[in-house]
């Protein structure tokens, strides 16, 4: 019982009495605006010397609206002297051994555009797998492109030996269109298990 009485008594003692005088107490109870204004005036009168003494580096007009002017930074001096020697060796610039030829550019563009058509060729390969699941090998298609269309296509190397696959690939490839006006290139097609 004595413990409960002490606990009840301690809750009645304001915590401000136990706090340090330099620490401001905060009351979170809602009050009227008049009471808040009176408390603020009373606090300013009693604590003004303490607040300024606690922070002597703050200007006297702390908390008041002041005019501010911001200047742009001044440009720094530019150092145009010779560069400083490096402590370590720097790798030489990468030198290209040869320049790209027109044939290299055409081959690169043709490969990029053939990737667009790969699904159509994969359809022929899937049909060949259904006919002969164990069939493996590669075929090479020779393309001749003119006026952005396939002028001719034929199989130059046939390691699969499947005439139906050869016919499907050439028929499908004849329908391809290209952004290249003219080109001649080879395209490998692999049949894997």
Protein backbone atom coordinates (compact mmCIF):
# COMPACT_ATOMS: atom_id res chain seq x y z
CA UNK A 1 0.00 0.00 0.00
CA UNK A 2 2.78 2.40 0.86
CA UNK A 3 4.22 1.83 -2.60
CA UNK A 4 0.95 2.77 -4.29
CA UNK A 5 0.63 5.87 -2.15
CA UNK A 6 4.19 6.92 -3.06
CA UNK A 7 3.46 6.28 -6.72
CA UNK A 8 0.28 8.35 -6.63
CA UNK A 9 2.05 11.16 -4.78
CA UNK A 10 4.98 11.17 -7.22
CA UNK A 11 2.62 11.53 -10.19
CA UNK A 12 1.19 14.69 -8.61
CA UNK A 13 4.59 16.42 -8.35
CA UNK A 14 5.22 18.34 -11.54
CA UNK A 15 8.20 17.04 -13.54
CA UNK A 16 9.32 20.61 -14.15
CA UNK A 17 10.34 20.88 -10.53
CA UNK A 18 12.73 17.96 -10.99
CA UNK A 19 14.15 19.16 -14.32
CA UNK A 20 17.18 21.33 -14.92
CA UNK A 21 16.45 25.05 -15.00
CA UNK A 22 18.15 25.44 -18.41
CA UNK A 23 15.81 22.86 -20.00
CA UNK A 24 12.48 24.21 -21.20
CA UNK A 25 9.35 22.34 -20.11
CA UNK A 26 6.76 21.49 -22.75
CA UNK A 27 3.09 21.32 -21.89
CA UNK A 28 1.09 19.36 -24.42
CA UNK A 29 -2.32 20.20 -22.94
CA UNK A 30 -4.50 22.34 -25.23
CA UNK A 31 -5.05 25.84 -23.89
CA UNK A 32 -6.65 29.01 -25.12
CA UNK A 33 -4.66 31.50 -27.17
CA UNK A 34 -4.84 34.08 -24.37
CA UNK A 35 -3.28 31.70 -21.86
CA UNK A 36 -0.53 30.79 -24.34
CA UNK A 37 0.27 34.47 -24.93
CA UNK A 38 0.43 35.18 -21.17
CA UNK A 39 2.70 32.19 -20.59
CA UNK A 40 4.97 33.27 -23.43
CA UNK A 41 5.32 36.78 -22.03
CA UNK A 42 6.02 35.41 -18.56
CA UNK A 43 8.60 32.96 -19.92
CA UNK A 44 10.37 35.66 -21.97
CA UNK A 45 10.66 37.93 -18.96
CA UNK A 46 12.05 35.24 -16.70
CA UNK A 47 14.23 33.34 -19.19
CA UNK A 48 15.54 35.96 -21.58
CA UNK A 49 18.80 36.52 -19.66
CA UNK A 50 19.31 32.77 -19.26
CA UNK A 51 18.76 32.02 -22.97
CA UNK A 52 21.19 34.71 -24.13
CA UNK A 53 23.73 33.70 -21.51
CA UNK A 54 23.50 30.04 -22.62
CA UNK A 55 24.19 30.94 -26.27
CA UNK A 56 26.44 33.96 -26.33
CA UNK A 57 27.36 33.33 -29.99
CA UNK A 58 23.83 33.96 -31.23
CA UNK A 59 23.15 37.47 -32.47
CA UNK A 60 20.85 39.65 -30.42
CA UNK A 61 18.16 39.58 -33.11
CA UNK A 62 17.88 35.78 -33.22
CA UNK A 63 14.42 34.73 -34.33
CA UNK A 64 13.65 38.02 -36.04
CA UNK A 65 13.22 38.48 -39.77
CA UNK A 66 16.36 39.97 -41.31
CA UNK A 67 17.30 40.98 -44.86
CA UNK A 68 19.67 38.60 -46.62
CA UNK A 69 21.92 39.19 -49.61
CA UNK A 70 23.58 36.34 -51.47
CA UNK A 71 26.50 37.04 -53.77
CA UNK A 72 27.66 34.73 -56.51
CA UNK A 73 31.09 33.19 -55.90
CA UNK A 74 34.03 34.87 -57.51
CA UNK A 75 35.75 32.89 -60.26
CA UNK A 76 38.95 31.17 -59.21
CA UNK A 77 42.20 31.70 -61.01
CA UNK A 78 42.73 29.32 -63.94
CA UNK A 79 45.99 27.43 -63.90
CA UNK A 80 47.33 27.21 -67.45
CA UNK A 81 50.76 25.90 -66.56
CA UNK A 82 52.12 22.56 -67.78
CA UNK A 83 50.49 19.51 -66.18
CA UNK A 84 52.13 17.92 -63.17
CA UNK A 85 54.16 14.78 -63.84
CA UNK A 86 52.27 11.61 -62.88
CA UNK A 87 53.59 9.19 -60.30
CA UNK A 88 52.69 6.17 -62.43
CA UNK A 89 52.69 5.28 -66.11
CA UNK A 90 49.49 5.85 -68.04
CA UNK A 91 48.41 3.38 -70.70
CA UNK A 92 48.76 4.67 -74.26
CA UNK A 93 45.64 5.48 -76.25
CA UNK A 94 44.02 2.47 -77.91
CA UNK A 95 45.05 2.33 -81.54
CA UNK A 96 42.77 0.69 -84.09
CA UNK A 97 44.76 -1.62 -86.33
CA UNK A 98 42.44 -1.36 -89.31
CA UNK A 99 39.40 0.63 -90.24
CA UNK A 100 36.02 -0.91 -90.89
CA UNK A 101 35.24 -1.55 -94.53
CA UNK A 102 31.90 -1.30 -96.25
CA UNK A 103 31.68 -5.11 -96.30
CA UNK A 104 32.10 -5.22 -92.51
CA UNK A 105 29.34 -2.64 -92.04
CA UNK A 106 27.00 -4.49 -94.40
CA UNK A 107 27.69 -7.79 -92.61
CA UNK A 108 26.99 -6.18 -89.23
CA UNK A 109 23.73 -4.65 -90.43
CA UNK A 110 22.66 -7.89 -92.11
CA UNK A 111 23.32 -9.84 -88.89
CA UNK A 112 21.28 -7.32 -86.90
CA UNK A 113 18.36 -7.58 -89.32
CA UNK A 114 18.54 -11.38 -89.49
CA UNK A 115 18.00 -11.50 -85.72
CA UNK A 116 14.58 -9.96 -86.40
CA UNK A 117 13.76 -12.88 -88.70
CA UNK A 118 15.18 -15.62 -86.47
CA UNK A 119 11.74 -16.68 -85.18
CA UNK A 120 10.61 -17.55 -88.69
CA UNK A 121 13.70 -19.72 -89.18
CA UNK A 122 13.15 -21.30 -85.74
CA UNK A 123 9.71 -22.43 -86.93
CA UNK A 124 11.34 -24.47 -89.67
CA UNK A 125 13.84 -25.94 -87.18
CA UNK A 126 11.01 -26.93 -84.81
CA UNK A 127 9.21 -28.75 -87.62
CA UNK A 128 12.44 -30.62 -88.47
CA UNK A 129 12.79 -31.67 -84.82
CA UNK A 130 9.26 -33.10 -84.88
CA UNK A 131 10.07 -35.15 -87.98
CA UNK A 132 13.47 -36.36 -86.73
CA UNK A 133 14.20 -35.63 -83.04
CA UNK A 134 17.77 -36.99 -83.27
CA UNK A 135 18.75 -34.86 -86.28
CA UNK A 136 21.67 -32.45 -85.69
CA UNK A 137 23.92 -30.37 -87.91
CA UNK A 138 24.33 -26.96 -89.52
CA UNK A 139 23.24 -25.38 -92.76
CA UNK A 140 24.50 -22.18 -94.36
CA UNK A 141 22.11 -19.93 -96.26
CA UNK A 142 23.54 -17.62 -98.94
CA UNK A 143 21.48 -14.44 -99.31
CA UNK A 144 21.45 -12.00 -102.21
CA UNK A 145 19.48 -8.82 -101.32
CA UNK A 146 18.44 -6.25 -103.94
CA UNK A 147 15.97 -3.38 -103.58
CA UNK A 148 15.52 -4.23 -99.87
CA UNK A 149 14.09 -7.68 -100.74
CA UNK A 150 15.64 -11.13 -100.96
CA UNK A 151 16.52 -11.61 -104.61
CA UNK A 152 17.76 -15.16 -104.07
CA UNK A 153 18.58 -17.54 -101.25
CA UNK A 154 20.06 -21.02 -101.42
CA UNK A 155 21.73 -23.55 -99.13
CA UNK A 156 25.48 -23.69 -99.71
CA UNK A 157 26.43 -26.15 -96.95
CA UNK A 158 24.04 -28.80 -95.68
CA UNK A 159 25.17 -30.88 -92.72
CA UNK A 160 21.64 -31.96 -91.81
CA UNK A 161 20.64 -33.62 -95.11
CA UNK A 162 16.93 -32.89 -94.69
CA UNK A 163 15.34 -31.73 -97.97
CA UNK A 164 12.13 -30.58 -96.24
CA UNK A 165 14.10 -28.37 -93.83
CA UNK A 166 16.07 -26.94 -96.78
CA UNK A 167 12.85 -26.14 -98.65
CA UNK A 168 11.21 -24.59 -95.56
CA UNK A 169 14.25 -22.37 -94.82
CA UNK A 170 14.58 -21.08 -98.40
CA UNK A 171 10.83 -20.47 -98.81
CA UNK A 172 10.64 -18.62 -95.48
CA UNK A 173 13.80 -16.59 -96.17
CA UNK A 174 12.48 -15.35 -99.55
CA UNK A 175 9.76 -13.42 -97.71
CA UNK A 176 12.26 -11.43 -95.59
CA UNK A 177 12.69 -7.69 -96.15
CA UNK A 178 15.75 -5.65 -95.25
CA UNK A 179 16.63 -2.01 -94.78
CA UNK A 180 19.78 -2.64 -96.83
CA UNK A 181 19.40 -1.71 -100.48
CA UNK A 182 21.85 -4.38 -101.68
CA UNK A 183 23.82 -7.03 -99.82
CA UNK A 184 25.34 -10.47 -100.13
CA UNK A 185 25.97 -12.48 -96.98
CA UNK A 186 25.93 -15.97 -95.47
CA UNK A 187 23.84 -16.98 -92.47
CA UNK A 188 24.47 -20.19 -90.48
CA UNK A 189 21.51 -22.17 -89.14
CA UNK A 190 22.16 -24.86 -86.51
CA UNK A 191 19.85 -27.78 -85.76
CA UNK A 192 20.49 -28.93 -82.20
CA UNK A 193 18.76 -31.58 -80.11
